[in-house]
Protein backbone atom coordinates (compact mmCIF):
# COMPACT_ATOMS: atom_id res chain seq x y z
CA MET A 1 30.71 -1.09 -28.96
CA ILE A 2 30.94 -4.85 -29.54
CA ILE A 3 32.39 -7.16 -26.91
CA VAL A 4 33.29 -10.64 -28.12
CA CYS A 5 34.20 -13.15 -25.40
CA SER A 6 35.28 -16.58 -26.49
CA SER A 7 37.16 -19.49 -25.02
CA LYS A 8 38.85 -20.02 -28.36
CA GLY A 9 39.23 -16.54 -29.82
CA PRO A 10 40.33 -12.97 -29.10
CA ILE A 11 38.52 -9.86 -27.99
CA SER A 12 37.92 -7.47 -30.85
CA ASN A 13 38.46 -3.74 -30.72
CA ILE A 14 35.76 -1.09 -31.11
CA ASN A 15 35.42 -1.61 -34.84
CA GLY A 16 35.15 -5.37 -34.46
CA LYS A 17 38.56 -5.97 -36.11
CA PRO A 18 41.66 -7.55 -34.56
CA SER A 19 44.01 -4.98 -33.03
CA PRO A 20 47.53 -4.45 -34.48
CA ASP A 21 49.05 -6.16 -31.46
CA MET A 22 47.07 -9.28 -32.19
CA LYS A 23 48.33 -9.44 -35.79
CA ARG A 24 51.95 -9.70 -34.64
CA THR A 25 51.37 -12.99 -32.81
CA THR A 26 53.32 -15.94 -34.16
CA LYS A 27 51.98 -19.21 -35.44
CA ARG A 28 53.32 -20.93 -32.33
CA GLU A 29 51.28 -18.60 -30.12
CA ARG A 30 48.19 -19.18 -32.21
CA ASN A 31 48.49 -22.94 -31.97
CA ARG A 32 48.82 -22.66 -28.20
CA TYR A 33 45.18 -21.51 -28.02
CA GLY A 34 43.87 -24.34 -30.10
CA ASP A 35 42.37 -22.96 -33.30
CA GLY A 36 44.87 -20.62 -34.84
CA SER A 37 43.08 -17.49 -33.69
CA GLU A 38 45.18 -14.41 -33.06
CA GLY A 39 46.00 -13.55 -29.46
CA PRO A 40 44.90 -14.88 -26.07
CA PRO A 41 41.33 -14.20 -24.81
CA ALA A 42 40.73 -11.69 -22.03
CA LYS A 43 38.68 -14.18 -19.94
CA ARG A 44 38.10 -17.87 -20.35
CA ILE A 45 34.56 -19.17 -20.11
CA GLN A 46 33.13 -22.52 -21.03
CA VAL A 47 31.77 -21.47 -24.40
CA GLY A 48 31.82 -18.32 -26.46
CA PHE A 49 29.14 -15.74 -27.07
CA THR A 50 28.85 -12.42 -28.83
CA ILE A 51 26.77 -9.70 -27.24
CA ASN A 52 26.25 -6.00 -27.76
CA TYR A 53 27.58 -4.30 -24.64
CA GLN A 54 25.29 -1.26 -24.88
CA VAL A 55 22.19 -3.40 -25.40
CA LEU A 56 23.21 -5.55 -22.45
CA THR A 57 23.69 -2.53 -20.22
CA ARG A 58 20.31 -1.06 -21.19
CA ALA A 59 18.65 -4.40 -20.49
CA ALA A 60 20.23 -4.56 -17.04
CA GLU A 61 19.13 -1.00 -16.23
CA SER A 62 15.55 -1.70 -17.34
CA VAL A 63 15.43 -4.78 -15.10
CA SER A 64 16.90 -3.00 -12.08
CA SER A 65 14.43 -0.12 -12.43
CA GLY A 66 11.47 -2.47 -12.81
CA ALA A 67 10.58 -1.31 -16.32
CA LYS A 68 11.03 -4.80 -17.75
CA SER A 69 11.08 -8.31 -16.42
CA PRO A 70 14.33 -10.32 -16.64
CA VAL A 71 12.68 -12.68 -19.14
CA SER A 72 11.75 -9.84 -21.51
CA ALA A 73 15.17 -8.23 -21.21
CA LEU A 74 16.91 -11.52 -21.95
CA ASN A 75 14.72 -12.22 -24.98
CA GLU A 76 15.49 -8.79 -26.43
CA LEU A 77 19.24 -9.49 -26.51
CA GLY A 78 18.79 -11.44 -29.73
CA ILE A 79 20.22 -14.75 -28.52
CA LYS A 80 18.47 -18.10 -28.49
CA VAL A 81 16.87 -18.73 -25.09
CA THR A 82 15.29 -22.01 -23.96
CA TYR A 83 13.49 -22.62 -20.66
CA THR A 84 13.06 -26.06 -19.08
CA VAL A 85 11.24 -27.02 -15.88
CA LEU A 86 13.64 -29.24 -13.95
CA ASP A 87 11.87 -29.86 -10.67
CA TYR A 88 8.56 -29.39 -8.90
CA ARG A 89 8.08 -30.20 -5.25
CA GLY A 90 6.18 -29.08 -2.18
CA PRO A 91 2.48 -29.10 -1.22
CA PRO A 92 -0.12 -27.59 -3.57
CA HIS A 93 -0.56 -24.44 -1.47
CA CYS A 94 3.22 -23.77 -1.32
CA PRO A 95 4.96 -25.26 -4.38
CA SER A 96 8.62 -24.90 -5.32
CA PHE A 97 9.76 -24.86 -8.95
CA THR A 98 13.21 -25.10 -10.47
CA VAL A 99 13.60 -23.79 -14.02
CA ALA A 100 16.73 -23.89 -16.19
CA VAL A 101 17.42 -21.33 -18.89
CA THR A 102 19.84 -22.10 -21.71
CA ALA A 103 21.40 -19.13 -23.52
CA ALA A 104 24.46 -19.24 -25.78
CA ASP A 105 25.07 -22.90 -24.80
CA MET A 106 25.17 -21.93 -21.12
CA THR A 107 22.63 -23.16 -18.57
CA PHE A 108 21.45 -21.36 -15.45
CA LYS A 109 18.97 -22.37 -12.77
CA GLY A 110 16.33 -20.36 -10.93
CA HIS A 111 13.98 -21.20 -8.05
CA GLY A 112 10.56 -19.78 -7.16
CA THR A 113 7.11 -20.50 -5.82
CA SER A 114 5.73 -20.45 -9.37
CA LYS A 115 7.05 -21.22 -12.82
CA ARG A 116 6.96 -17.54 -13.66
CA ASP A 117 9.07 -16.54 -10.64
CA ALA A 118 11.55 -19.36 -11.20
CA ARG A 119 11.87 -18.42 -14.88
CA ALA A 120 12.47 -14.77 -13.93
CA ASN A 121 15.12 -15.71 -11.36
CA ALA A 122 16.92 -17.92 -13.89
CA ALA A 123 16.86 -15.12 -16.46
CA LYS A 124 18.28 -12.66 -13.93
CA VAL A 125 21.13 -15.05 -13.09
CA CYS A 126 21.86 -15.32 -16.82
CA LEU A 127 21.97 -11.54 -17.19
CA ASN A 128 24.28 -11.31 -14.17
CA THR A 129 26.67 -13.77 -15.78
CA LEU A 130 26.70 -11.97 -19.13
CA LEU A 131 27.41 -8.67 -17.42
CA ALA A 132 30.11 -10.24 -15.26
CA ASN A 133 31.96 -11.44 -18.35
CA ALA A 134 31.56 -7.99 -19.87
CA GLY A 135 33.10 -6.35 -16.80
CA GLN A 136 29.99 -5.14 -14.97
CA ILE A 137 27.43 -6.55 -12.58
CA MET A 138 23.73 -5.78 -12.72
CA PRO A 139 22.89 -3.62 -9.66
CA LYS A 140 21.09 -5.46 -6.93
CA ASN A 141 18.87 -2.55 -5.88
CA ASN A 142 16.90 0.02 -7.82
CA ASP A 143 18.32 3.33 -8.98
CA ILE A 144 19.60 5.55 -6.20
CA ASP A 145 17.20 8.32 -5.22
CA PHE A 146 19.46 11.36 -4.83
CA SER A 147 16.62 13.36 -3.25
CA ASN A 148 16.33 10.86 -0.39
CA ASP A 149 16.97 12.23 3.09
CA GLN A 150 18.94 9.15 4.11
CA VAL A 151 22.53 8.70 2.96
CA VAL A 152 22.95 5.78 0.56
CA HIS A 153 26.44 4.34 0.17
CA ALA A 154 26.87 3.01 -3.34
CA ALA A 155 29.21 0.04 -3.67
CA VAL A 156 32.07 -0.03 -6.20
CA PRO A 157 31.08 -2.20 -9.19
CA LYS A 158 32.71 -5.61 -8.79
CA PHE A 159 31.93 -9.27 -9.04
CA GLN A 160 29.26 -10.43 -6.65
CA LEU A 161 30.67 -12.34 -3.71
CA PRO A 162 28.76 -14.85 -1.60
CA LEU A 163 26.70 -13.04 1.01
CA LYS A 164 26.59 -14.28 4.54
CA PRO A 165 23.13 -15.27 5.79
CA SER A 166 23.48 -12.84 8.70
CA LYS A 167 24.07 -9.89 6.35
CA VAL A 168 21.00 -10.66 4.32
CA ALA A 169 18.97 -11.18 7.45
CA GLU A 170 19.98 -7.76 8.80
CA THR A 171 18.58 -5.98 5.78
CA SER A 172 15.42 -8.06 5.49
CA VAL A 173 12.14 -7.36 7.19
CA LEU A 174 11.42 -11.05 7.63
CA GLN A 175 14.91 -11.99 8.78
CA GLU A 176 13.76 -14.94 10.84
CA THR A 177 12.10 -16.59 7.84
CA LEU A 178 14.98 -16.35 5.36
CA VAL A 179 15.88 -19.81 4.08
CA PRO A 180 19.27 -19.93 2.31
CA LEU A 181 19.64 -22.46 -0.47
CA PRO A 182 22.71 -24.75 -0.47
CA VAL A 183 25.90 -22.87 -1.44
CA LYS A 184 29.33 -24.23 -2.21
CA GLU A 185 32.24 -23.63 0.12
CA THR A 186 33.84 -20.19 0.02
CA HIS A 187 36.49 -19.88 -2.67
CA ASP A 188 40.08 -18.98 -1.95
CA VAL A 189 41.03 -15.34 -2.19
CA ASN A 190 43.44 -16.05 -5.04
CA GLU A 191 40.77 -17.81 -7.06
CA PRO A 192 38.44 -15.81 -9.30
CA PRO A 193 35.20 -14.91 -7.53
CA PRO A 194 32.12 -16.96 -8.47
CA LEU A 195 29.51 -15.53 -10.74
CA PHE A 196 26.54 -16.70 -8.70
CA THR A 197 25.40 -15.52 -5.31
CA PRO A 198 23.39 -17.59 -2.83
CA VAL A 199 19.68 -17.18 -3.37
CA TYR A 200 17.45 -16.67 -0.35
CA SER A 201 13.84 -17.67 -0.78
CA LEU A 202 11.29 -15.50 1.00
CA PRO A 203 8.06 -17.23 1.96
CA SER A 204 5.03 -16.02 0.09
CA HIS A 205 2.54 -13.98 2.12
CA LYS A 206 -0.65 -15.91 2.57
CA SER A 207 -3.85 -14.04 2.08
CA PRO A 208 -6.61 -14.24 4.71
CA VAL A 209 -8.64 -16.38 2.29
CA ASN A 210 -5.92 -19.04 2.15
CA ILE A 211 -5.55 -18.99 5.93
CA VAL A 212 -9.29 -19.53 6.35
CA TYR A 213 -9.27 -22.48 3.94
CA GLU A 214 -6.32 -24.08 5.73
CA THR A 215 -7.62 -23.48 9.25
CA PHE A 216 -11.29 -24.29 8.68
CA PRO A 217 -11.63 -26.99 5.98
CA GLY A 218 -15.43 -26.90 6.06
CA VAL A 219 -15.75 -23.19 5.30
CA VAL A 220 -18.43 -22.11 2.81
CA PHE A 221 -18.39 -18.83 0.87
CA SER A 222 -21.43 -17.43 -0.93
CA THR A 223 -21.38 -14.17 -2.90
CA THR A 224 -24.34 -11.99 -3.82
CA LEU A 225 -24.94 -8.39 -4.75
CA GLY A 226 -24.69 -5.77 -2.06
CA ASP A 227 -28.41 -5.83 -1.26
CA GLY A 228 -28.52 -9.63 -1.08
CA SER A 229 -29.95 -10.27 -4.53
CA PRO A 230 -28.35 -13.08 -6.59
CA LEU A 231 -25.50 -12.36 -9.00
CA ASP A 232 -27.57 -13.42 -12.02
CA SER A 233 -30.20 -10.80 -11.25
CA GLU A 234 -31.37 -8.95 -14.36
CA THR A 235 -31.41 -5.52 -12.72
CA VAL A 236 -28.69 -4.21 -10.43
CA PRO A 237 -29.96 -1.74 -7.82
CA ALA A 238 -28.62 1.71 -8.65
CA GLN A 239 -28.48 2.83 -5.02
CA ILE A 240 -25.76 0.31 -4.07
CA SER A 241 -22.53 2.20 -3.42
CA HIS A 242 -19.37 1.24 -5.25
CA SER A 243 -17.62 -0.02 -2.11
CA MET A 244 -20.57 -2.34 -1.31
CA ARG A 245 -21.33 -3.65 -4.79
CA PHE A 246 -20.75 -7.28 -3.74
CA LYS A 247 -21.44 -9.11 -0.52
CA THR A 248 -19.77 -12.36 0.57
CA VAL A 249 -21.00 -14.49 3.46
CA CYS A 250 -18.49 -16.78 5.14
CA LYS A 251 -20.04 -19.63 7.13
CA ILE A 252 -17.79 -21.42 9.65
CA LYS A 253 -19.19 -23.76 12.29
CA GLU A 254 -22.66 -22.22 12.15
CA GLN A 255 -21.16 -18.75 12.50
CA ILE A 256 -21.70 -16.20 9.75
CA PHE A 257 -19.31 -13.43 8.79
CA GLU A 258 -20.03 -10.83 6.13
CA GLY A 259 -17.77 -8.82 3.90
CA TYR A 260 -18.37 -6.11 1.30
CA GLY A 261 -16.26 -4.87 -1.56
CA SER A 262 -16.20 -3.30 -5.00
CA SER A 263 -15.42 -6.74 -6.49
CA LYS A 264 -16.16 -10.33 -5.56
CA LYS A 265 -12.52 -10.84 -4.64
CA GLN A 266 -12.49 -7.84 -2.31
CA SER A 267 -15.70 -8.89 -0.59
CA LYS A 268 -14.37 -12.42 -0.06
CA LEU A 269 -11.18 -10.99 1.36
CA ALA A 270 -13.14 -8.76 3.75
CA ALA A 271 -15.25 -11.69 4.94
CA SER A 272 -12.13 -13.78 5.58
CA ARG A 273 -10.54 -10.97 7.58
CA SER A 274 -13.64 -10.64 9.70
CA ALA A 275 -13.70 -14.39 10.36
CA LEU A 276 -10.03 -14.52 11.35
CA ALA A 277 -10.34 -11.50 13.62
CA SER A 278 -13.36 -12.96 15.41
CA LEU A 279 -12.39 -16.64 15.67
CA LEU A 280 -8.61 -16.52 15.99
CA GLY A 281 -8.06 -12.96 17.13
CA THR A 282 -5.65 -12.52 14.24
CA PRO A 283 -4.62 -8.86 13.80
CA THR A 284 -5.12 -8.47 10.07
CA GLU A 285 -3.01 -5.32 10.12
CA GLN A 286 0.05 -7.55 10.39
CA ILE A 287 -0.97 -9.31 7.20
CA THR A 288 -1.78 -6.36 5.01
CA THR A 289 -0.01 -3.28 6.37
CA PRO A 290 3.45 -2.41 7.68
CA THR A 291 4.34 -1.55 11.24
CA THR A 292 1.80 0.76 12.80
CA TYR A 293 2.63 3.94 14.67
CA CYS A 294 -0.26 4.07 17.08
CA ASN A 295 -2.86 1.90 18.71
CA THR A 296 -5.18 0.33 16.18
CA LEU A 297 -8.84 -0.53 16.48
CA PRO A 298 -9.70 -4.25 16.28
CA GLN A 299 -10.51 -5.08 12.69
CA TYR A 300 -13.94 -6.51 13.41
CA ILE A 301 -15.02 -3.24 15.06
CA ALA A 302 -13.73 -1.21 12.09
CA ASP A 303 -15.59 -3.50 9.68
CA HIS A 304 -18.72 -3.21 11.79
CA VAL A 305 -18.56 0.59 11.77
CA SER A 306 -18.06 0.64 8.00
CA LYS A 307 -20.92 -1.79 7.49
CA LEU A 308 -23.35 0.25 9.60
CA ILE A 309 -22.61 3.49 7.76
CA ASN A 310 -22.80 1.97 4.28
CA GLU A 311 -25.98 0.01 5.02
CA LYS A 312 -27.66 3.08 6.50
CA PHE A 313 -26.75 5.16 3.47
CA THR A 314 -28.09 2.47 1.14
CA GLU A 315 -31.30 2.35 3.16
CA LEU A 316 -31.78 6.13 3.02
CA MET A 317 -31.09 6.29 -0.73
CA ARG A 318 -33.17 3.25 -1.67
CA ASN A 319 -35.92 5.31 -3.32
CA ASP A 320 -33.74 8.25 -4.31
CA PRO A 321 -31.29 7.14 -7.03
CA ALA A 322 -30.69 10.74 -8.12
CA HIS A 323 -28.93 11.57 -4.84
CA SER A 324 -27.37 8.15 -4.25
CA LYS A 325 -24.32 9.05 -6.33
CA ARG A 326 -21.51 10.24 -4.12
CA LYS A 327 -17.72 10.36 -3.95
CA VAL A 328 -17.05 10.51 -0.21
CA LEU A 329 -19.20 8.96 2.51
CA ALA A 330 -18.69 9.70 6.20
CA GLY A 331 -20.49 8.93 9.43
CA ILE A 332 -20.18 8.69 13.19
CA VAL A 333 -21.05 5.55 15.16
CA MET A 334 -21.32 5.33 18.96
CA THR A 335 -20.52 2.06 20.71
CA VAL A 336 -21.36 1.14 24.29
CA GLY A 337 -18.69 -0.74 26.21
CA GLU A 338 -16.24 -3.07 24.52
CA GLY A 339 -18.79 -4.86 22.34
CA ILE A 340 -20.58 -3.85 19.17
CA GLU A 341 -24.07 -5.13 20.01
CA LYS A 342 -25.34 -1.73 21.17
CA SER A 343 -23.84 0.34 18.38
CA LYS A 344 -25.78 3.43 17.37
CA ILE A 345 -25.48 5.50 14.21
CA ILE A 346 -25.22 9.20 15.02
CA ALA A 347 -24.69 10.69 11.56
CA VAL A 348 -24.35 9.76 7.87
CA SER A 349 -23.22 12.40 5.38
CA THR A 350 -21.71 12.91 1.93
CA GLY A 351 -19.99 15.83 0.25
CA THR A 352 -16.76 17.05 -1.38
CA LYS A 353 -17.25 20.82 -1.89
CA CYS A 354 -16.97 24.08 0.05
CA VAL A 355 -18.74 27.37 -0.57
CA SER A 356 -17.38 30.07 -2.83
CA GLY A 357 -16.74 33.53 -1.39
CA GLU A 358 -19.56 35.18 -3.32
CA TYR A 359 -22.17 32.83 -1.80
CA MET A 360 -21.20 33.34 1.84
CA SER A 361 -24.03 34.35 4.12
CA VAL A 362 -23.73 37.19 6.63
CA SER A 363 -26.52 35.71 8.75
CA GLY A 364 -24.95 32.26 8.81
CA ARG A 365 -27.58 30.58 6.64
CA ALA A 366 -25.02 29.03 4.31
CA VAL A 367 -22.72 26.17 5.34
CA ASN A 368 -19.19 27.07 4.33
CA ASP A 369 -17.70 23.57 4.37
CA CYS A 370 -19.77 20.67 3.04
CA HIS A 371 -17.15 17.93 3.06
CA ALA A 372 -18.57 14.66 4.35
CA GLU A 373 -16.54 14.40 7.57
CA VAL A 374 -17.22 18.04 8.45
CA ALA A 375 -20.94 17.57 7.89
CA ALA A 376 -20.88 14.44 10.08
CA ARG A 377 -19.31 16.43 12.90
CA ARG A 378 -22.02 19.11 12.57
CA CYS A 379 -24.62 16.35 12.88
CA LEU A 380 -22.92 15.15 16.07
CA GLN A 381 -23.14 18.67 17.50
CA ARG A 382 -26.86 18.73 16.75
CA TYR A 383 -27.20 15.37 18.49
CA LEU A 384 -25.45 16.75 21.58
CA TYR A 385 -27.86 19.69 21.66
CA ASN A 386 -30.75 17.22 21.64
CA GLN A 387 -29.18 15.35 24.55
CA LEU A 388 -28.93 18.59 26.51
CA LEU A 389 -32.57 19.37 25.73
CA MET A 390 -33.53 16.11 27.46
CA TYR A 391 -31.98 17.43 30.68
CA ALA A 392 -33.43 20.91 30.15
CA SER A 393 -36.95 19.51 29.85
CA SER A 394 -36.64 17.18 32.87
CA LYS A 395 -37.80 18.09 36.37
CA ASN A 396 -34.32 17.79 37.86
CA PRO A 397 -31.55 18.57 35.35
CA ARG A 398 -28.91 17.38 37.85
CA MET A 399 -30.26 13.80 37.93
CA PRO A 400 -28.76 11.37 35.36
CA ILE A 401 -31.08 10.18 32.61
CA GLU A 402 -30.57 6.57 31.60
CA GLU A 403 -31.64 7.08 27.99
CA SER A 404 -29.19 9.94 27.50
CA ASP A 405 -25.56 9.51 26.45
CA LEU A 406 -24.56 12.46 28.66
CA GLU A 407 -24.31 12.58 32.44
CA PRO A 408 -24.15 15.57 34.81
CA LEU A 409 -20.99 16.46 36.71
CA PRO A 410 -20.92 17.34 40.43
CA GLU A 411 -19.09 20.59 39.75
CA GLY A 412 -21.54 21.55 37.00
CA GLY A 413 -21.87 20.85 33.34
CA TYR A 414 -22.12 17.53 31.54
CA ARG A 415 -19.88 14.96 29.93
CA LEU A 416 -20.14 11.92 27.69
CA LYS A 417 -20.68 8.75 29.67
CA GLU A 418 -17.50 6.78 30.23
CA ASN A 419 -18.60 3.63 28.40
CA ARG A 420 -19.52 5.60 25.24
CA GLN A 421 -17.05 5.65 22.36
CA LEU A 422 -17.26 7.62 19.12
CA HIS A 423 -15.90 6.30 15.82
CA LEU A 424 -15.59 8.49 12.73
CA TYR A 425 -15.81 6.62 9.42
CA ILE A 426 -14.61 8.15 6.13
CA SER A 427 -14.73 6.22 2.88
CA THR A 428 -11.35 7.69 1.87
CA ALA A 429 -8.48 9.56 3.51
CA PRO A 430 -9.37 13.15 4.51
CA CYS A 431 -8.18 15.82 2.11
CA GLY A 432 -4.98 17.64 2.91
CA ASP A 433 -1.73 16.38 4.37
CA GLY A 434 -3.18 12.98 5.26
CA ARG A 435 -4.08 12.15 1.67
CA ILE A 436 -2.01 14.14 -0.81
CA PHE A 437 1.05 11.90 -0.38
CA SER A 438 -0.86 8.61 -0.60
CA PRO A 439 -2.64 8.66 -3.97
CA HIS A 440 -2.58 4.87 -4.34
CA GLU A 441 -4.22 2.15 -2.33
CA THR A 442 -1.19 -0.06 -1.72
CA GLN A 443 1.92 1.30 -0.03
CA SER A 444 4.82 -1.14 -0.25
CA GLU A 445 7.33 1.02 1.61
CA ARG A 446 7.58 3.88 4.06
CA ASP A 447 7.86 7.53 3.17
CA LYS A 448 11.29 8.16 1.64
CA HIS A 449 11.19 11.90 2.39
CA PRO A 450 9.72 12.36 5.89
CA ASN A 451 11.64 15.59 6.52
CA ARG A 452 10.74 17.43 3.36
CA PHE A 453 9.30 20.90 3.68
CA SER A 454 6.07 19.81 1.99
CA ARG A 455 5.28 17.31 4.77
CA GLY A 456 3.04 18.47 7.59
CA GLN A 457 2.00 21.77 6.00
CA LEU A 458 -1.32 23.45 6.66
CA ARG A 459 -3.49 23.34 3.56
CA SER A 460 -6.66 25.06 2.45
CA LYS A 461 -9.44 23.82 0.20
CA ILE A 462 -10.18 25.13 -3.26
CA GLU A 463 -13.39 27.13 -3.61
CA SER A 464 -16.23 25.33 -5.37
CA GLY A 465 -13.89 22.46 -6.23
CA GLU A 466 -11.85 19.60 -4.90
CA GLY A 467 -8.26 19.42 -3.70
CA THR A 468 -6.06 21.43 -1.36
CA ILE A 469 -3.13 23.83 -1.66
CA PRO A 470 -0.55 24.91 0.96
CA VAL A 471 -1.25 28.00 3.03
CA LYS A 472 1.32 30.76 2.57
CA LYS A 473 3.41 31.74 5.55
CA SER A 474 3.01 35.47 4.91
CA ALA A 475 1.01 37.46 7.42
CA PHE A 476 -2.21 37.27 5.43
CA ILE A 477 -5.39 38.26 7.24
CA GLN A 478 -8.62 37.12 5.64
CA THR A 479 -11.29 39.84 5.66
CA TRP A 480 -14.95 39.77 4.73
CA ASP A 481 -14.61 42.63 2.27
CA GLY A 482 -11.63 41.01 0.61
CA VAL A 483 -13.46 37.72 0.09
CA LEU A 484 -16.50 39.50 -1.35
CA GLN A 485 -14.24 41.41 -3.76
CA GLY A 486 -12.69 38.26 -5.15
CA GLU A 487 -9.98 37.14 -2.76
CA ARG A 488 -9.71 33.41 -2.29
CA LEU A 489 -11.64 32.04 0.67
CA LEU A 490 -9.35 30.02 2.95
CA THR A 491 -11.03 26.91 4.34
CA MET A 492 -9.07 24.47 6.45
CA SER A 493 -8.45 21.06 4.94
CA CYS A 494 -10.16 18.08 6.51
CA SER A 495 -6.83 16.63 7.71
CA ASP A 496 -6.14 19.85 9.62
CA LYS A 497 -9.66 19.89 11.05
CA VAL A 498 -9.40 16.29 12.25
CA ALA A 499 -6.08 17.17 13.90
CA ARG A 500 -7.74 20.13 15.61
CA TRP A 501 -10.61 17.94 16.85
CA CYS A 502 -8.05 15.62 18.45
CA VAL A 503 -6.91 18.57 20.59
CA THR A 504 -9.98 20.72 21.22
CA GLY A 505 -12.68 18.06 20.87
CA LEU A 506 -15.71 17.63 18.61
CA GLN A 507 -18.19 19.71 20.60
CA GLY A 508 -17.20 23.15 19.33
CA ALA A 509 -16.75 26.47 21.11
CA LEU A 510 -20.35 27.02 22.24
CA LEU A 511 -20.92 23.53 23.62
CA SER A 512 -17.61 23.74 25.46
CA GLN A 513 -19.38 26.02 27.95
CA LEU A 514 -21.72 23.16 28.89
CA ILE A 515 -19.95 19.90 27.97
CA LYS A 516 -16.48 18.64 28.66
CA PRO A 517 -14.42 17.99 25.52
CA ILE A 518 -15.52 14.94 23.55
CA TYR A 519 -12.87 13.12 21.54
CA LEU A 520 -12.90 10.47 18.87
CA ASN A 521 -11.99 6.97 19.93
CA SER A 522 -10.98 5.92 16.42
CA LEU A 523 -10.83 7.05 12.81
CA VAL A 524 -11.86 4.35 10.33
CA LEU A 525 -10.86 4.84 6.68
CA GLY A 526 -12.29 2.87 3.80
CA SER A 527 -9.39 3.49 1.38
CA LEU A 528 -6.12 5.38 0.75
CA LEU A 529 -4.78 4.84 4.26
CA HIS A 530 -1.09 5.59 4.70
CA THR A 531 -0.34 5.13 8.40
CA GLU A 532 2.73 7.38 8.46
CA HIS A 533 1.03 10.36 6.81
CA MET A 534 -2.18 9.90 8.79
CA TYR A 535 -0.31 9.67 12.10
CA ARG A 536 1.60 12.86 11.30
């Protein structure tokens, strides 16, 4: 289907030929339109252009879905496109560019914080205009998700009208920072609606590195390998974990802040976050993550816990490269009071597998679940037994021992001292419901399907492998004979176990007879954190 729009000519029919009605126009009617063409045009525009309607529609759909950029879609239309930088203003850290795109003798402007963004905005305005003359408007949002739990009201296709700043601000997360660009006065109702809508420029999110440079001009960054050796070192230590491959030291006013990461960029970002959290008290969660659902641990404490666990693991594996390879690293750190000066490492563990049914031990000599966080909790239980042995070997078990982290209760039994706090670190999200719906590191939006049946299900681990599957609701009773004969061994996922620890405590059934329940103060994740799924 070919659509031909011209200020001097007619609109052709499907075959590209003038319709019979157009042929019956008189010479007087043809002269009235200036060039002797047959019939009046459907819409007057400044200049004419010929465009394939189907190609134009596909280009608009690819842009709205994010498959292509507006610049690529415009170039694929087969028309001559020219870009020109009209204006550049603003400080170096926050520039503002204005780019003009000329297509089919028509010029459109676009604004952005970079030439690329301004060029893309100008190309999108051009596509909007071409579609408007063809009778459609490129959709503002992405394709509608018909499986979404929330009702989405689709608007009737029409020309885009000027939006009021208040309407845009209601639907924007950063409504107080929306800056509308100058817009002409509202047109009369009888006049044809304008083809352009007011553009609202959203401020670019500054990274912690930029904030550090702007706040502390004399800052100095130095990057080395994870163990402190220079970057030009001939041999890279094999025992350095992937998440601590690089180390960046940020020096501000004689204060030193360290950051680790799998790349130099990530380590520099971590060091900047640590500096901002310590010097300015800036909650970095507001910079990098959406609204939280629960109380969050200060970032510098989380970084400190992660650093202690990773450094201890590197120290233990320094002379054992064969066992230094791991996928998941976990550990438990105990802090005293509000500070981190008296932090103590309780456990460091690795693991991603659980036992198969044929290797289960009747006498309990085989550990069924060897996932890292489960092994770390078993180490904590062993540590609690050692603390109880200190009281058992003392002359008066009812007298508090200063070196112990437990204290006796007047009514009998023991409890963790009030100023002791336990932090569980896991290098990635625990398997199960807390991880299966967050396979990627960055989460730009909330869960679109919070009420789906698959959310919040109990899951079991796969024998001798990785991953989890939902537990069936049927009344299935797991028996020893059935497992030995080949039935699948059901082992709770780590997400379900962490949820159970938040209710019953970390001490286990046997220690509950002697110790009051001990709960985690925080859960620190190194990657794949989705707050909504983890909170659920």
